[in-house]
Amino acid sequence: MGVRDEPGPHDFKFPRSPSTNLIENGTLALSELGLDEKTAMVGQYLSAMPDDVREEVATRKKTSNELQREQQRAKVSENFLSLPI
């Protein structure tokens, strides 16, 4: 088995057509916007942040990972303090 010079029958991919959901409910699929899933996830994460926190990420004073760790620490300490003595 050597390198194929010609594409085989399994190399063909149908072109993607625009989704019919666009017409029905007015929303676009991620691929239609040119976004992958990770970029969309990061965008949703950033849009859920308060403005002051989002500004810290935008100016690179803090990274999103630092903010996630801070949130997790706050949640753990809150849960710890709520335990009965």
N, C-alpha and C. Protein backbone atom coordinates (compact mmCIF):
# COMPACT_ATOMS: atom_id res chain seq x y z
N MET A 1 0.83 -1.18 0.00
CA MET A 1 0.00 0.00 0.00
C MET A 1 0.88 1.24 0.00
N GLY A 2 0.79 2.00 -1.03
CA GLY A 2 1.57 3.22 -1.15
C GLY A 2 0.69 4.44 -0.99
N VAL A 3 1.25 5.56 -1.28
CA VAL A 3 0.51 6.82 -1.20
C VAL A 3 -0.41 6.93 -2.40
N ARG A 4 -1.65 7.30 -2.13
CA ARG A 4 -2.62 7.44 -3.23
C ARG A 4 -2.42 8.77 -3.93
N ASP A 5 -2.46 8.71 -5.24
CA ASP A 5 -2.35 9.93 -6.03
C ASP A 5 -3.72 10.55 -6.29
N GLU A 6 -4.74 9.71 -6.28
CA GLU A 6 -6.08 10.19 -6.56
C GLU A 6 -6.95 9.99 -5.33
N PRO A 7 -7.87 10.91 -5.09
CA PRO A 7 -8.76 10.74 -3.94
C PRO A 7 -9.68 9.54 -4.14
N GLY A 8 -9.93 8.85 -3.06
CA GLY A 8 -10.81 7.70 -3.11
C GLY A 8 -12.26 8.09 -2.91
N PRO A 9 -13.17 7.12 -2.95
CA PRO A 9 -14.60 7.45 -2.81
C PRO A 9 -14.95 7.96 -1.42
N HIS A 10 -14.13 7.66 -0.41
CA HIS A 10 -14.46 8.10 0.95
C HIS A 10 -13.88 9.46 1.27
N ASP A 11 -13.13 10.05 0.34
CA ASP A 11 -12.54 11.36 0.57
C ASP A 11 -13.51 12.50 0.24
N PHE A 12 -14.63 12.21 -0.38
CA PHE A 12 -15.58 13.24 -0.76
C PHE A 12 -16.41 13.65 0.45
N LYS A 13 -16.57 14.95 0.62
CA LYS A 13 -17.44 15.47 1.68
C LYS A 13 -18.44 16.41 1.04
N PHE A 14 -19.69 16.25 1.40
CA PHE A 14 -20.73 17.11 0.87
C PHE A 14 -20.56 18.52 1.43
N PRO A 15 -20.78 19.52 0.63
CA PRO A 15 -20.71 20.89 1.15
C PRO A 15 -21.85 21.11 2.14
N ARG A 16 -21.57 21.88 3.17
CA ARG A 16 -22.59 22.15 4.18
C ARG A 16 -23.53 23.23 3.69
N SER A 17 -24.78 22.98 3.84
CA SER A 17 -25.76 23.97 3.45
C SER A 17 -26.18 24.76 4.69
N PRO A 18 -26.65 25.97 4.50
CA PRO A 18 -27.11 26.75 5.65
C PRO A 18 -28.24 26.02 6.37
N SER A 19 -28.25 26.15 7.64
CA SER A 19 -29.24 25.43 8.43
C SER A 19 -30.63 26.02 8.21
N THR A 20 -31.63 25.16 8.27
CA THR A 20 -33.00 25.63 8.12
C THR A 20 -33.47 26.32 9.40
N ASN A 21 -32.74 26.08 10.52
CA ASN A 21 -33.10 26.77 11.77
C ASN A 21 -32.93 28.28 11.64
N LEU A 22 -32.02 28.71 10.79
CA LEU A 22 -31.80 30.14 10.59
C LEU A 22 -33.08 30.81 10.11
N ILE A 23 -33.77 30.15 9.22
CA ILE A 23 -35.00 30.72 8.68
C ILE A 23 -36.12 30.65 9.72
N GLU A 24 -36.16 29.55 10.47
CA GLU A 24 -37.27 29.34 11.39
C GLU A 24 -37.18 30.20 12.64
N ASN A 25 -35.99 30.24 13.29
CA ASN A 25 -35.93 30.95 14.57
C ASN A 25 -34.94 32.11 14.58
N GLY A 26 -34.31 32.42 13.45
CA GLY A 26 -33.45 33.59 13.37
C GLY A 26 -32.10 33.46 14.04
N THR A 27 -31.64 32.26 14.38
CA THR A 27 -30.33 32.08 15.00
C THR A 27 -29.39 31.42 14.01
N LEU A 28 -28.11 31.63 14.22
CA LEU A 28 -27.09 31.05 13.36
C LEU A 28 -26.37 29.92 14.09
N ALA A 29 -25.94 28.93 13.35
CA ALA A 29 -25.13 27.87 13.92
C ALA A 29 -23.71 28.40 14.08
N LEU A 30 -22.93 27.77 14.97
CA LEU A 30 -21.57 28.23 15.20
C LEU A 30 -20.74 28.22 13.93
N SER A 31 -20.90 27.17 13.13
CA SER A 31 -20.13 27.08 11.90
C SER A 31 -20.50 28.19 10.92
N GLU A 32 -21.75 28.62 10.94
CA GLU A 32 -22.17 29.70 10.06
C GLU A 32 -21.57 31.03 10.49
N LEU A 33 -21.22 31.14 11.78
CA LEU A 33 -20.57 32.35 12.29
C LEU A 33 -19.06 32.26 12.19
N GLY A 34 -18.55 31.10 11.80
CA GLY A 34 -17.11 30.92 11.69
C GLY A 34 -16.44 30.65 13.02
N LEU A 35 -17.19 30.12 13.99
CA LEU A 35 -16.66 29.85 15.32
C LEU A 35 -16.58 28.36 15.57
N ASP A 36 -15.58 27.95 16.35
CA ASP A 36 -15.55 26.57 16.80
C ASP A 36 -16.16 26.53 18.21
N GLU A 37 -16.32 25.34 18.75
CA GLU A 37 -17.02 25.18 20.04
C GLU A 37 -16.24 25.82 21.19
N LYS A 38 -14.92 25.70 21.16
CA LYS A 38 -14.11 26.26 22.25
C LYS A 38 -14.21 27.78 22.28
N THR A 39 -14.14 28.42 21.12
CA THR A 39 -14.24 29.87 21.06
C THR A 39 -15.61 30.32 21.56
N ALA A 40 -16.65 29.61 21.20
CA ALA A 40 -18.00 29.94 21.66
C ALA A 40 -18.11 29.77 23.18
N MET A 41 -17.49 28.72 23.71
CA MET A 41 -17.52 28.48 25.15
C MET A 41 -16.83 29.62 25.90
N VAL A 42 -15.67 30.04 25.41
CA VAL A 42 -14.94 31.13 26.05
C VAL A 42 -15.75 32.42 25.98
N GLY A 43 -16.39 32.66 24.85
CA GLY A 43 -17.24 33.84 24.70
C GLY A 43 -18.40 33.85 25.67
N GLN A 44 -19.02 32.70 25.86
CA GLN A 44 -20.13 32.60 26.82
C GLN A 44 -19.64 32.80 28.24
N TYR A 45 -18.45 32.25 28.53
CA TYR A 45 -17.88 32.40 29.86
C TYR A 45 -17.58 33.87 30.15
N LEU A 46 -16.98 34.56 29.17
CA LEU A 46 -16.66 35.97 29.35
C LEU A 46 -17.92 36.84 29.44
N SER A 47 -18.93 36.52 28.67
CA SER A 47 -20.14 37.34 28.70
C SER A 47 -20.92 37.16 30.01
N ALA A 48 -20.70 36.06 30.71
CA ALA A 48 -21.39 35.83 31.98
C ALA A 48 -20.70 36.53 33.14
N MET A 49 -19.49 37.07 32.91
CA MET A 49 -18.75 37.75 33.98
C MET A 49 -19.29 39.15 34.20
N PRO A 50 -19.15 39.64 35.44
CA PRO A 50 -19.48 41.05 35.67
C PRO A 50 -18.52 41.94 34.87
N ASP A 51 -18.94 43.16 34.62
CA ASP A 51 -18.16 44.07 33.77
C ASP A 51 -16.77 44.33 34.32
N ASP A 52 -16.65 44.55 35.64
CA ASP A 52 -15.34 44.86 36.20
C ASP A 52 -14.37 43.69 36.08
N VAL A 53 -14.89 42.48 36.27
CA VAL A 53 -14.06 41.28 36.14
C VAL A 53 -13.66 41.06 34.69
N ARG A 54 -14.61 41.26 33.77
CA ARG A 54 -14.32 41.11 32.34
C ARG A 54 -13.25 42.12 31.91
N GLU A 55 -13.29 43.32 32.49
CA GLU A 55 -12.29 44.33 32.17
C GLU A 55 -10.89 43.89 32.63
N GLU A 56 -10.81 43.22 33.79
CA GLU A 56 -9.51 42.71 34.26
C GLU A 56 -8.95 41.67 33.30
N VAL A 57 -9.82 40.84 32.73
CA VAL A 57 -9.37 39.85 31.77
C VAL A 57 -8.96 40.54 30.47
N ALA A 58 -9.73 41.53 30.04
CA ALA A 58 -9.44 42.22 28.79
C ALA A 58 -8.11 42.97 28.86
N THR A 59 -7.80 43.55 30.01
CA THR A 59 -6.54 44.28 30.17
C THR A 59 -5.41 43.36 30.62
N ARG A 60 -5.70 42.09 30.74
CA ARG A 60 -4.72 41.06 31.10
C ARG A 60 -4.14 41.24 32.50
N LYS A 61 -4.93 41.87 33.39
CA LYS A 61 -4.51 41.93 34.79
C LYS A 61 -4.66 40.56 35.43
N LYS A 62 -5.67 39.83 34.99
CA LYS A 62 -5.91 38.46 35.46
C LYS A 62 -6.27 37.60 34.27
N THR A 63 -5.97 36.33 34.39
CA THR A 63 -6.37 35.39 33.34
C THR A 63 -7.69 34.75 33.73
N SER A 64 -8.35 34.15 32.76
CA SER A 64 -9.62 33.49 33.07
C SER A 64 -9.38 32.30 33.99
N ASN A 65 -8.22 31.64 33.88
CA ASN A 65 -7.92 30.53 34.78
C ASN A 65 -7.78 31.00 36.22
N GLU A 66 -7.14 32.15 36.42
CA GLU A 66 -7.02 32.71 37.77
C GLU A 66 -8.40 33.00 38.35
N LEU A 67 -9.27 33.56 37.52
CA LEU A 67 -10.63 33.87 37.99
C LEU A 67 -11.40 32.60 38.33
N GLN A 68 -11.24 31.55 37.53
CA GLN A 68 -11.92 30.29 37.82
C GLN A 68 -11.42 29.70 39.14
N ARG A 69 -10.10 29.79 39.38
CA ARG A 69 -9.56 29.28 40.65
C ARG A 69 -10.10 30.07 41.82
N GLU A 70 -10.16 31.39 41.68
CA GLU A 70 -10.71 32.23 42.75
C GLU A 70 -12.16 31.87 43.04
N GLN A 71 -12.95 31.68 41.99
CA GLN A 71 -14.35 31.31 42.19
C GLN A 71 -14.46 29.96 42.89
N GLN A 72 -13.62 29.00 42.49
CA GLN A 72 -13.66 27.67 43.10
C GLN A 72 -13.25 27.75 44.57
N ARG A 73 -12.21 28.54 44.88
CA ARG A 73 -11.78 28.70 46.28
C ARG A 73 -12.88 29.32 47.12
N ALA A 74 -13.55 30.34 46.57
CA ALA A 74 -14.63 31.00 47.29
C ALA A 74 -15.77 30.03 47.55
N LYS A 75 -16.08 29.20 46.56
CA LYS A 75 -17.16 28.22 46.71
C LYS A 75 -16.80 27.18 47.77
N VAL A 76 -15.55 26.71 47.75
CA VAL A 76 -15.11 25.70 48.72
C VAL A 76 -15.12 26.29 50.13
N SER A 77 -14.61 27.51 50.29
CA SER A 77 -14.58 28.11 51.63
C SER A 77 -15.99 28.39 52.13
N GLU A 78 -16.89 28.78 51.22
CA GLU A 78 -18.29 29.00 51.61
C GLU A 78 -18.92 27.70 52.09
N ASN A 79 -18.67 26.63 51.36
CA ASN A 79 -19.21 25.32 51.75
C ASN A 79 -18.60 24.85 53.06
N PHE A 80 -17.32 25.11 53.24
CA PHE A 80 -16.63 24.70 54.47
C PHE A 80 -17.19 25.44 55.67
N LEU A 81 -17.42 26.75 55.52
CA LEU A 81 -17.93 27.55 56.62
C LEU A 81 -19.38 27.20 56.95
N SER A 82 -20.10 26.64 56.01
CA SER A 82 -21.50 26.31 56.27
C SER A 82 -21.67 24.94 56.93
N LEU A 83 -20.57 24.21 57.11
CA LEU A 83 -20.66 22.90 57.77
C LEU A 83 -20.97 23.07 59.25
N PRO A 84 -21.74 22.16 59.83
CA PRO A 84 -22.02 22.25 61.27
C PRO A 84 -20.75 21.92 62.08
N ILE A 85 -20.65 22.56 63.21
CA ILE A 85 -19.47 22.35 64.06
C ILE A 85 -19.62 21.15 64.95
